[in-house]
């Protein structure tokens, strides 16, 4: 029969973990404080707050040219446009979206909801659809090249609101300042 460990033997690893862990946490805290002191994160007013980009597929069906305003580095308001001349021209298609950027640094998760305005030439009227965005976004902390890729489902479009594209992807690239 194996000997039973005493209470001290059971508490000894916990005591060592607390002593070493306390110093380890203090060292990590000091390093983070030093990093924040010498390299502070940019203020929201110093971050780029406008973007112009081209989106392939995505919220505007085939493509869109978009203008976006970023408020406090987190909230986005976007307007885009597309014209598809064909046998039955669909012109214009305009996504209007509100979004939110999660994350710090240059990599962000973009979540957005909005409407997709489509002018139907044969019916001579506007149709409003619903669309969303869940995307990974590279957003520099200074002016420069930005891009994103993500899931951009279109929930309801068409005259009867019965057309949808729940499995729809988009990729975009452009410039932010």
N, C-alpha and C. Protein backbone atom coordinates (compact mmCIF):
# COMPACT_ATOMS: atom_id res chain seq x y z
N UNK A 1 0.83 -1.17 0.00
CA UNK A 1 0.00 0.00 0.00
C UNK A 1 0.89 1.24 0.00
N UNK A 2 0.52 2.23 -0.89
CA UNK A 2 1.31 3.46 -1.01
C UNK A 2 1.00 4.37 0.16
N UNK A 3 2.02 5.11 0.65
CA UNK A 3 1.76 6.02 1.77
C UNK A 3 0.90 7.19 1.31
N UNK A 4 0.04 7.64 2.22
CA UNK A 4 -0.83 8.78 1.94
C UNK A 4 -0.05 10.06 2.07
N UNK A 5 -0.23 11.01 1.11
CA UNK A 5 0.48 12.28 1.23
C UNK A 5 -0.09 13.10 2.39
N UNK A 6 0.79 13.81 3.03
CA UNK A 6 0.35 14.67 4.13
C UNK A 6 -0.23 15.96 3.58
N UNK A 7 -0.84 16.75 4.45
CA UNK A 7 -1.43 18.02 4.02
C UNK A 7 -0.35 18.97 3.51
N UNK A 8 0.81 18.96 4.13
CA UNK A 8 1.89 19.85 3.69
C UNK A 8 2.34 19.46 2.29
N UNK A 9 2.41 18.17 2.02
CA UNK A 9 2.82 17.71 0.69
C UNK A 9 1.79 18.11 -0.36
N UNK A 10 0.51 18.17 0.00
CA UNK A 10 -0.51 18.60 -0.94
C UNK A 10 -0.48 20.11 -1.15
N UNK A 11 -0.16 20.89 -0.11
CA UNK A 11 -0.16 22.34 -0.21
C UNK A 11 1.14 22.90 -0.77
N UNK A 12 2.23 22.13 -0.72
CA UNK A 12 3.53 22.62 -1.18
C UNK A 12 3.52 23.06 -2.65
N UNK A 13 2.97 22.27 -3.60
CA UNK A 13 2.93 22.76 -4.98
C UNK A 13 2.11 24.05 -5.13
N UNK A 14 1.04 24.18 -4.38
CA UNK A 14 0.22 25.39 -4.42
C UNK A 14 0.99 26.60 -3.91
N UNK A 15 1.74 26.44 -2.83
CA UNK A 15 2.55 27.53 -2.29
C UNK A 15 3.64 27.96 -3.28
N UNK A 16 4.31 26.98 -3.90
CA UNK A 16 5.35 27.29 -4.89
C UNK A 16 4.73 28.03 -6.07
N UNK A 17 3.57 27.58 -6.53
CA UNK A 17 2.90 28.23 -7.65
C UNK A 17 2.53 29.67 -7.31
N UNK A 18 2.04 29.90 -6.10
CA UNK A 18 1.68 31.26 -5.68
C UNK A 18 2.90 32.17 -5.59
N UNK A 19 4.01 31.66 -5.03
CA UNK A 19 5.21 32.48 -4.89
C UNK A 19 5.83 32.80 -6.25
N UNK A 20 5.99 31.78 -7.09
CA UNK A 20 6.60 32.00 -8.40
C UNK A 20 5.62 32.74 -9.30
N UNK A 21 4.35 32.38 -9.24
CA UNK A 21 3.33 33.02 -10.08
C UNK A 21 3.18 34.49 -9.74
N UNK A 22 3.28 34.84 -8.47
CA UNK A 22 3.17 36.25 -8.09
C UNK A 22 4.29 37.08 -8.70
N UNK A 23 5.54 36.55 -8.64
CA UNK A 23 6.66 37.26 -9.25
C UNK A 23 6.54 37.28 -10.77
N UNK A 24 6.08 36.18 -11.34
CA UNK A 24 5.89 36.13 -12.79
C UNK A 24 4.86 37.15 -13.25
N UNK A 25 3.76 37.27 -12.50
CA UNK A 25 2.74 38.25 -12.84
C UNK A 25 3.28 39.66 -12.70
N UNK A 26 4.09 39.89 -11.67
CA UNK A 26 4.66 41.22 -11.47
C UNK A 26 5.61 41.57 -12.60
N UNK A 27 6.40 40.59 -13.07
CA UNK A 27 7.32 40.86 -14.18
C UNK A 27 6.55 41.14 -15.47
N UNK A 28 5.48 40.38 -15.73
CA UNK A 28 4.68 40.62 -16.92
C UNK A 28 4.01 41.99 -16.85
N UNK A 29 3.52 42.36 -15.68
CA UNK A 29 2.88 43.66 -15.50
C UNK A 29 3.89 44.79 -15.73
N UNK A 30 5.11 44.64 -15.22
CA UNK A 30 6.14 45.66 -15.41
C UNK A 30 6.49 45.79 -16.89
N UNK A 31 6.60 44.67 -17.60
CA UNK A 31 6.91 44.72 -19.03
C UNK A 31 5.79 45.40 -19.81
N UNK A 32 4.54 45.09 -19.48
CA UNK A 32 3.41 45.71 -20.16
C UNK A 32 3.35 47.20 -19.87
N UNK A 33 3.65 47.60 -18.64
CA UNK A 33 3.65 49.02 -18.29
C UNK A 33 4.76 49.75 -19.04
N UNK A 34 5.93 49.13 -19.12
CA UNK A 34 7.05 49.74 -19.83
C UNK A 34 6.70 49.88 -21.32
N UNK A 35 6.08 48.87 -21.91
CA UNK A 35 5.68 48.93 -23.32
C UNK A 35 4.66 50.04 -23.54
N UNK A 36 3.68 50.16 -22.66
CA UNK A 36 2.66 51.19 -22.80
C UNK A 36 3.25 52.58 -22.61
N UNK A 37 4.29 52.69 -21.78
CA UNK A 37 4.90 53.99 -21.52
C UNK A 37 5.70 54.47 -22.74
N UNK A 38 6.44 53.57 -23.37
CA UNK A 38 7.28 53.96 -24.49
C UNK A 38 6.57 53.89 -25.84
N UNK A 39 5.55 53.06 -25.94
CA UNK A 39 4.80 52.91 -27.19
C UNK A 39 3.30 52.95 -26.88
N UNK A 40 2.76 54.11 -26.54
CA UNK A 40 1.34 54.16 -26.21
C UNK A 40 0.48 53.87 -27.44
N UNK A 41 -0.69 53.26 -27.23
CA UNK A 41 -1.58 53.02 -28.37
C UNK A 41 -2.08 54.35 -28.93
N UNK A 42 -2.37 54.39 -30.23
CA UNK A 42 -2.84 55.65 -30.80
C UNK A 42 -4.21 56.04 -30.24
N UNK A 43 -4.44 57.32 -30.14
CA UNK A 43 -5.74 57.82 -29.70
C UNK A 43 -6.74 57.64 -30.83
N UNK A 44 -8.03 57.46 -30.51
CA UNK A 44 -9.03 57.27 -31.58
C UNK A 44 -9.02 58.39 -32.62
N UNK A 45 -8.75 59.63 -32.18
CA UNK A 45 -8.75 60.73 -33.15
C UNK A 45 -7.53 60.70 -34.07
N UNK A 46 -6.48 59.94 -33.70
CA UNK A 46 -5.29 59.82 -34.54
C UNK A 46 -5.39 58.66 -35.54
N UNK A 47 -6.37 57.77 -35.37
CA UNK A 47 -6.54 56.64 -36.26
C UNK A 47 -7.18 57.09 -37.57
N UNK A 48 -6.97 56.35 -38.65
CA UNK A 48 -7.66 56.68 -39.90
C UNK A 48 -9.17 56.62 -39.69
N UNK A 49 -9.89 57.58 -40.25
CA UNK A 49 -11.33 57.59 -40.03
C UNK A 49 -12.14 57.59 -41.33
N UNK A 50 -11.49 57.36 -42.47
CA UNK A 50 -12.19 57.26 -43.74
C UNK A 50 -11.52 56.18 -44.58
N UNK A 51 -12.31 55.57 -45.43
CA UNK A 51 -11.76 54.54 -46.32
C UNK A 51 -12.55 54.54 -47.63
N UNK A 52 -11.85 54.27 -48.71
CA UNK A 52 -12.45 54.03 -50.02
C UNK A 52 -11.91 52.69 -50.48
N UNK A 53 -12.82 51.78 -50.88
CA UNK A 53 -12.35 50.45 -51.30
C UNK A 53 -13.28 49.81 -52.31
N UNK A 54 -12.73 48.85 -53.02
CA UNK A 54 -13.44 48.06 -54.02
C UNK A 54 -13.73 46.70 -53.39
N UNK A 55 -14.98 46.26 -53.48
CA UNK A 55 -15.38 44.96 -52.92
C UNK A 55 -15.87 44.06 -54.05
N UNK A 56 -15.27 42.89 -54.14
CA UNK A 56 -15.66 41.89 -55.13
C UNK A 56 -16.61 40.90 -54.45
N UNK A 57 -17.73 40.64 -55.12
CA UNK A 57 -18.85 39.89 -54.54
C UNK A 57 -19.33 40.68 -53.32
N UNK A 58 -19.44 40.10 -52.16
CA UNK A 58 -19.80 40.87 -50.98
C UNK A 58 -21.23 41.36 -50.94
N UNK A 59 -21.46 42.43 -50.20
CA UNK A 59 -22.81 42.93 -49.94
C UNK A 59 -23.50 43.51 -51.17
N UNK A 60 -22.79 43.87 -52.20
CA UNK A 60 -23.39 44.47 -53.39
C UNK A 60 -23.59 43.51 -54.54
N UNK A 61 -23.68 42.24 -54.27
CA UNK A 61 -23.88 41.18 -55.26
C UNK A 61 -22.61 40.90 -56.06
N UNK A 62 -22.32 41.62 -57.13
CA UNK A 62 -21.14 41.32 -57.95
C UNK A 62 -19.91 42.11 -57.51
N UNK A 63 -20.05 43.41 -57.37
CA UNK A 63 -18.95 44.27 -56.94
C UNK A 63 -19.56 45.56 -56.42
N UNK A 64 -18.80 46.31 -55.65
CA UNK A 64 -19.20 47.66 -55.24
C UNK A 64 -17.96 48.51 -55.05
N UNK A 65 -18.14 49.78 -55.24
CA UNK A 65 -17.14 50.78 -54.87
C UNK A 65 -17.72 51.46 -53.64
N UNK A 66 -16.95 51.49 -52.54
CA UNK A 66 -17.48 51.91 -51.24
C UNK A 66 -16.73 53.09 -50.65
N UNK A 67 -17.48 53.91 -49.92
CA UNK A 67 -16.90 54.97 -49.10
C UNK A 67 -17.36 54.69 -47.67
N UNK A 68 -16.42 54.75 -46.73
CA UNK A 68 -16.74 54.40 -45.34
C UNK A 68 -16.17 55.45 -44.40
N UNK A 69 -16.93 55.76 -43.36
CA UNK A 69 -16.49 56.65 -42.30
C UNK A 69 -16.38 55.81 -41.03
N UNK A 70 -15.26 55.96 -40.31
CA UNK A 70 -15.02 55.21 -39.08
C UNK A 70 -15.08 56.20 -37.92
N UNK A 71 -15.98 55.95 -36.98
CA UNK A 71 -16.20 56.85 -35.85
C UNK A 71 -15.57 56.25 -34.61
N UNK A 72 -14.67 56.99 -33.96
CA UNK A 72 -13.96 56.57 -32.74
C UNK A 72 -13.21 55.25 -32.90
N UNK A 73 -12.81 54.92 -34.11
CA UNK A 73 -12.04 53.71 -34.35
C UNK A 73 -12.83 52.43 -34.22
N UNK A 74 -14.15 52.51 -34.00
CA UNK A 74 -14.96 51.31 -33.77
C UNK A 74 -16.19 51.20 -34.66
N UNK A 75 -16.97 52.26 -34.79
CA UNK A 75 -18.24 52.22 -35.51
C UNK A 75 -18.01 52.67 -36.95
N UNK A 76 -18.58 51.92 -37.90
CA UNK A 76 -18.42 52.26 -39.31
C UNK A 76 -19.78 52.55 -39.94
N UNK A 77 -19.79 53.50 -40.85
CA UNK A 77 -20.97 53.78 -41.67
C UNK A 77 -20.49 53.74 -43.12
N UNK A 78 -21.17 52.94 -43.94
CA UNK A 78 -20.68 52.68 -45.30
C UNK A 78 -21.78 52.87 -46.33
N UNK A 79 -21.39 53.43 -47.46
CA UNK A 79 -22.25 53.55 -48.63
C UNK A 79 -21.48 53.02 -49.82
N UNK A 80 -22.12 52.18 -50.61
CA UNK A 80 -21.47 51.63 -51.79
C UNK A 80 -22.39 51.70 -52.98
N UNK A 81 -21.84 51.45 -54.14
CA UNK A 81 -22.65 51.47 -55.35
C UNK A 81 -22.11 50.54 -56.40
N UNK A 82 -23.04 50.01 -57.23
CA UNK A 82 -22.69 49.12 -58.31
C UNK A 82 -23.71 49.28 -59.42
N UNK A 83 -23.27 49.13 -60.65
CA UNK A 83 -24.17 49.12 -61.79
C UNK A 83 -23.82 47.91 -62.63
N UNK A 84 -24.80 47.06 -62.91
CA UNK A 84 -24.57 45.87 -63.72
C UNK A 84 -25.38 45.98 -65.00
N UNK A 85 -24.75 46.47 -66.05
CA UNK A 85 -25.48 46.56 -67.33
C UNK A 85 -25.49 45.19 -68.01
N UNK A 86 -26.65 44.74 -68.35
CA UNK A 86 -26.77 43.44 -69.01
C UNK A 86 -28.06 43.42 -69.81
N UNK A 87 -28.56 42.21 -70.09
CA UNK A 87 -29.82 42.08 -70.82
C UNK A 87 -30.95 42.74 -70.02
N UNK A 88 -30.94 42.52 -68.74
CA UNK A 88 -31.86 43.22 -67.85
C UNK A 88 -31.00 44.03 -66.89
N UNK A 89 -30.71 45.29 -67.19
CA UNK A 89 -29.78 46.04 -66.35
C UNK A 89 -30.28 46.20 -64.92
N UNK A 90 -29.38 45.99 -64.00
CA UNK A 90 -29.64 46.24 -62.59
C UNK A 90 -28.77 47.41 -62.22
N UNK A 91 -29.39 48.56 -62.11
CA UNK A 91 -28.61 49.76 -61.92
C UNK A 91 -29.44 50.79 -61.18
N UNK A 92 -29.07 51.34 -60.11
CA UNK A 92 -27.91 51.00 -59.30
C UNK A 92 -28.26 49.98 -58.21
N UNK A 93 -27.23 49.41 -57.63
CA UNK A 93 -27.33 48.59 -56.43
C UNK A 93 -26.51 49.32 -55.38
N UNK A 94 -27.10 49.59 -54.23
CA UNK A 94 -26.42 50.41 -53.23
C UNK A 94 -26.57 49.82 -51.83
N UNK A 95 -25.51 49.22 -51.28
CA UNK A 95 -25.57 48.80 -49.87
C UNK A 95 -25.32 49.98 -48.94
N UNK A 96 -26.15 50.10 -47.93
CA UNK A 96 -26.00 51.08 -46.85
C UNK A 96 -25.85 50.28 -45.57
N UNK A 97 -24.70 50.43 -44.89
CA UNK A 97 -24.42 49.55 -43.76
C UNK A 97 -23.86 50.29 -42.56
N UNK A 98 -24.13 49.74 -41.40
CA UNK A 98 -23.55 50.18 -40.13
C UNK A 98 -22.79 48.98 -39.58
N UNK A 99 -21.58 49.23 -39.08
CA UNK A 99 -20.77 48.13 -38.58
C UNK A 99 -20.05 48.47 -37.30
N UNK A 100 -19.39 47.47 -36.75
CA UNK A 100 -18.62 47.63 -35.53
C UNK A 100 -17.32 46.85 -35.68
N UNK A 101 -16.20 47.48 -35.32
CA UNK A 101 -14.89 46.83 -35.40
C UNK A 101 -14.45 46.39 -34.02
N UNK A 102 -14.15 45.11 -33.87
CA UNK A 102 -13.68 44.55 -32.60
C UNK A 102 -12.21 44.22 -32.73
N UNK A 103 -11.44 44.53 -31.69
CA UNK A 103 -10.03 44.18 -31.69
C UNK A 103 -9.16 45.40 -31.62
N UNK A 104 -7.87 45.15 -31.34
CA UNK A 104 -6.88 46.22 -31.24
C UNK A 104 -5.79 45.96 -32.25
N UNK A 105 -5.09 47.01 -32.60
CA UNK A 105 -4.01 46.86 -33.57
C UNK A 105 -4.57 46.86 -34.98
N UNK A 106 -3.88 46.17 -35.88
CA UNK A 106 -4.25 46.20 -37.28
C UNK A 106 -5.26 45.13 -37.67
N UNK A 107 -5.40 44.06 -36.90
CA UNK A 107 -6.34 42.98 -37.20
C UNK A 107 -7.63 43.19 -36.41
N UNK A 108 -8.74 43.21 -37.14
CA UNK A 108 -10.03 43.47 -36.50
C UNK A 108 -11.09 42.51 -37.04
N UNK A 109 -12.08 42.28 -36.21
CA UNK A 109 -13.27 41.55 -36.63
C UNK A 109 -14.33 42.60 -36.93
N UNK A 110 -14.88 42.56 -38.13
CA UNK A 110 -15.90 43.52 -38.53
C UNK A 110 -17.26 42.83 -38.52
N UNK A 111 -18.21 43.42 -37.80
CA UNK A 111 -19.59 42.94 -37.75
C UNK A 111 -20.48 44.06 -38.26
N UNK A 112 -21.37 43.75 -39.21
CA UNK A 112 -22.20 44.81 -39.76
C UNK A 112 -23.56 44.32 -40.22
N UNK A 113 -24.51 45.26 -40.25
CA UNK A 113 -25.87 45.02 -40.74
C UNK A 113 -26.26 46.17 -41.65
N UNK A 114 -27.13 45.90 -42.60
CA UNK A 114 -27.56 46.99 -43.45
C UNK A 114 -28.60 46.59 -44.46
N UNK A 115 -28.93 47.56 -45.28
CA UNK A 115 -29.89 47.37 -46.34
C UNK A 115 -29.22 47.38 -47.70
N UNK A 116 -29.80 46.68 -48.64
CA UNK A 116 -29.29 46.60 -50.00
C UNK A 116 -30.37 47.15 -50.92
N UNK A 117 -30.19 48.38 -51.37
CA UNK A 117 -31.15 49.04 -52.27
C UNK A 117 -30.84 48.63 -53.70
N UNK A 118 -31.84 48.10 -54.40
CA UNK A 118 -31.68 47.65 -55.78
C UNK A 118 -32.78 48.29 -56.63
N UNK A 119 -32.37 48.96 -57.70
CA UNK A 119 -33.35 49.52 -58.62
C UNK A 119 -33.60 48.50 -59.71
N UNK A 120 -34.83 48.05 -59.83
CA UNK A 120 -35.21 47.04 -60.81
C UNK A 120 -35.76 47.75 -62.05
N UNK A 121 -34.98 47.73 -63.15
CA UNK A 121 -35.38 48.44 -64.37
C UNK A 121 -36.70 47.94 -64.94
N UNK A 122 -36.89 46.61 -65.10
CA UNK A 122 -38.16 46.17 -65.71
C UNK A 122 -39.38 46.59 -64.89
N UNK A 123 -39.26 46.59 -63.58
CA UNK A 123 -40.41 46.96 -62.73
C UNK A 123 -40.43 48.46 -62.44
N UNK A 124 -39.35 49.15 -62.80
CA UNK A 124 -39.22 50.59 -62.55
C UNK A 124 -39.52 50.94 -61.10
N UNK A 125 -38.80 50.25 -60.20
CA UNK A 125 -38.99 50.51 -58.78
C UNK A 125 -37.83 50.00 -57.95
N UNK A 126 -37.80 50.42 -56.72
CA UNK A 126 -36.74 50.04 -55.79
C UNK A 126 -37.16 48.84 -54.97
N UNK A 127 -36.20 47.99 -54.68
CA UNK A 127 -36.38 46.86 -53.78
C UNK A 127 -35.35 47.00 -52.67
N UNK A 128 -35.75 46.70 -51.45
CA UNK A 128 -34.84 46.77 -50.31
C UNK A 128 -34.62 45.37 -49.76
N UNK A 129 -33.35 44.96 -49.73
CA UNK A 129 -32.99 43.67 -49.16
C UNK A 129 -32.22 43.87 -47.86
N UNK A 130 -31.95 42.80 -47.15
CA UNK A 130 -31.18 42.85 -45.91
C UNK A 130 -29.87 42.09 -46.13
N UNK A 131 -28.81 42.65 -45.55
CA UNK A 131 -27.50 42.03 -45.70
C UNK A 131 -26.71 42.21 -44.40
N UNK A 132 -25.66 41.44 -44.26
CA UNK A 132 -24.82 41.50 -43.05
C UNK A 132 -23.37 41.25 -43.45
N UNK A 133 -22.47 41.49 -42.50
CA UNK A 133 -21.04 41.24 -42.71
C UNK A 133 -20.43 40.65 -41.46
N UNK A 134 -19.66 39.60 -41.61
CA UNK A 134 -18.77 39.07 -40.57
C UNK A 134 -17.44 38.86 -41.29
N UNK A 135 -16.47 39.74 -41.01
CA UNK A 135 -15.24 39.72 -41.80
C UNK A 135 -14.01 39.94 -40.93
N UNK A 136 -12.88 39.43 -41.41
CA UNK A 136 -11.58 39.75 -40.85
C UNK A 136 -11.06 40.92 -41.65
N UNK A 137 -10.55 41.94 -40.96
CA UNK A 137 -10.15 43.19 -41.60
C UNK A 137 -8.75 43.59 -41.17
N UNK A 138 -7.92 43.93 -42.14
CA UNK A 138 -6.61 44.50 -41.88
C UNK A 138 -6.79 46.01 -42.01
N UNK A 139 -6.75 46.71 -40.89
CA UNK A 139 -6.96 48.16 -40.84
C UNK A 139 -5.73 48.80 -40.22
N UNK A 140 -4.86 49.45 -41.02
CA UNK A 140 -3.64 50.03 -40.45
C UNK A 140 -3.96 51.15 -39.48
N UNK A 141 -3.03 51.41 -38.57
CA UNK A 141 -3.22 52.46 -37.57
C UNK A 141 -2.79 53.82 -38.11
N UNK A 142 -2.29 53.84 -39.32
CA UNK A 142 -1.97 55.09 -40.02
C UNK A 142 -2.57 54.97 -41.40
N UNK A 143 -2.52 56.03 -42.17
CA UNK A 143 -3.06 55.99 -43.53
C UNK A 143 -2.33 54.91 -44.32
N UNK A 144 -3.08 54.21 -45.17
CA UNK A 144 -2.46 53.18 -45.97
C UNK A 144 -3.44 52.18 -46.52
N UNK A 145 -2.89 51.09 -47.03
CA UNK A 145 -3.64 50.02 -47.67
C UNK A 145 -4.44 49.23 -46.64
N UNK A 146 -5.72 48.98 -46.90
CA UNK A 146 -6.55 48.14 -46.04
C UNK A 146 -7.20 47.06 -46.91
N UNK A 147 -7.56 45.95 -46.27
CA UNK A 147 -8.30 44.92 -46.97
C UNK A 147 -9.08 44.07 -45.98
N UNK A 148 -10.06 43.34 -46.51
CA UNK A 148 -10.88 42.48 -45.67
C UNK A 148 -11.43 41.32 -46.48
N UNK A 149 -11.78 40.26 -45.79
CA UNK A 149 -12.39 39.09 -46.40
C UNK A 149 -13.39 38.54 -45.40
N UNK A 150 -14.56 38.13 -45.89
CA UNK A 150 -15.54 37.63 -44.94
C UNK A 150 -16.81 37.10 -45.56
N UNK A 151 -17.70 36.75 -44.67
CA UNK A 151 -19.02 36.22 -44.99
C UNK A 151 -19.97 37.39 -45.09
N UNK A 152 -20.66 37.51 -46.23
CA UNK A 152 -21.55 38.64 -46.47
C UNK A 152 -22.91 38.13 -46.96
N UNK A 153 -23.69 37.52 -46.10
CA UNK A 153 -24.97 36.95 -46.55
C UNK A 153 -25.96 38.03 -46.97
N UNK A 154 -26.77 37.68 -47.94
CA UNK A 154 -27.87 38.53 -48.38
C UNK A 154 -29.14 37.76 -48.03
N UNK A 155 -29.97 38.33 -47.16
CA UNK A 155 -31.08 37.58 -46.59
C UNK A 155 -32.35 37.63 -47.44
N UNK A 156 -32.72 38.78 -47.96
CA UNK A 156 -33.97 38.86 -48.70
C UNK A 156 -33.86 39.99 -49.72
N UNK A 157 -33.99 39.65 -50.99
CA UNK A 157 -34.01 40.64 -52.06
C UNK A 157 -35.04 40.21 -53.09
N UNK A 158 -35.24 41.03 -54.07
CA UNK A 158 -36.18 40.73 -55.13
C UNK A 158 -37.54 41.31 -54.81
N UNK A 159 -38.40 41.37 -55.81
CA UNK A 159 -39.72 41.99 -55.62
C UNK A 159 -40.55 41.31 -54.54
N UNK A 160 -40.46 39.99 -54.44
CA UNK A 160 -41.26 39.27 -53.44
C UNK A 160 -40.49 39.03 -52.15
N UNK A 161 -39.26 39.55 -52.04
CA UNK A 161 -38.41 39.35 -50.86
C UNK A 161 -38.17 37.87 -50.59
N UNK A 162 -38.14 37.05 -51.66
CA UNK A 162 -37.96 35.61 -51.48
C UNK A 162 -36.63 35.10 -52.03
N UNK A 163 -35.80 35.99 -52.53
CA UNK A 163 -34.50 35.57 -53.02
C UNK A 163 -33.47 35.84 -51.94
N UNK A 164 -32.53 34.90 -51.76
CA UNK A 164 -31.52 35.05 -50.72
C UNK A 164 -30.23 34.37 -51.15
N UNK A 165 -29.14 34.80 -50.54
CA UNK A 165 -27.83 34.18 -50.76
C UNK A 165 -27.16 34.06 -49.40
N UNK A 166 -27.57 33.07 -48.59
CA UNK A 166 -27.01 32.97 -47.24
C UNK A 166 -25.54 32.56 -47.22
N UNK A 167 -25.07 31.89 -48.27
CA UNK A 167 -23.66 31.50 -48.35
C UNK A 167 -23.03 32.41 -49.41
N UNK A 168 -22.59 33.57 -48.98
CA UNK A 168 -22.04 34.56 -49.90
C UNK A 168 -20.79 35.15 -49.27
N UNK A 169 -19.73 35.22 -50.02
CA UNK A 169 -18.46 35.72 -49.51
C UNK A 169 -18.06 36.99 -50.26
N UNK A 170 -17.19 37.77 -49.64
CA UNK A 170 -16.70 38.96 -50.29
C UNK A 170 -15.26 39.25 -49.89
N UNK A 171 -14.56 39.92 -50.78
CA UNK A 171 -13.20 40.35 -50.51
C UNK A 171 -13.09 41.80 -50.97
N UNK A 172 -12.40 42.62 -50.17
CA UNK A 172 -12.31 44.05 -50.49
C UNK A 172 -10.90 44.55 -50.23
N UNK A 173 -10.51 45.56 -51.00
CA UNK A 173 -9.23 46.21 -50.74
C UNK A 173 -9.34 47.66 -51.17
N UNK A 174 -8.57 48.51 -50.47
CA UNK A 174 -8.63 49.93 -50.77
C UNK A 174 -7.64 50.71 -49.93
N UNK A 175 -7.96 51.97 -49.71
CA UNK A 175 -7.08 52.89 -49.02
C UNK A 175 -7.82 53.56 -47.88
N UNK A 176 -7.16 53.70 -46.76
CA UNK A 176 -7.74 54.37 -45.59
C UNK A 176 -6.86 55.53 -45.19
N UNK A 177 -7.49 56.62 -44.74
CA UNK A 177 -6.74 57.80 -44.29
C UNK A 177 -7.44 58.46 -43.14
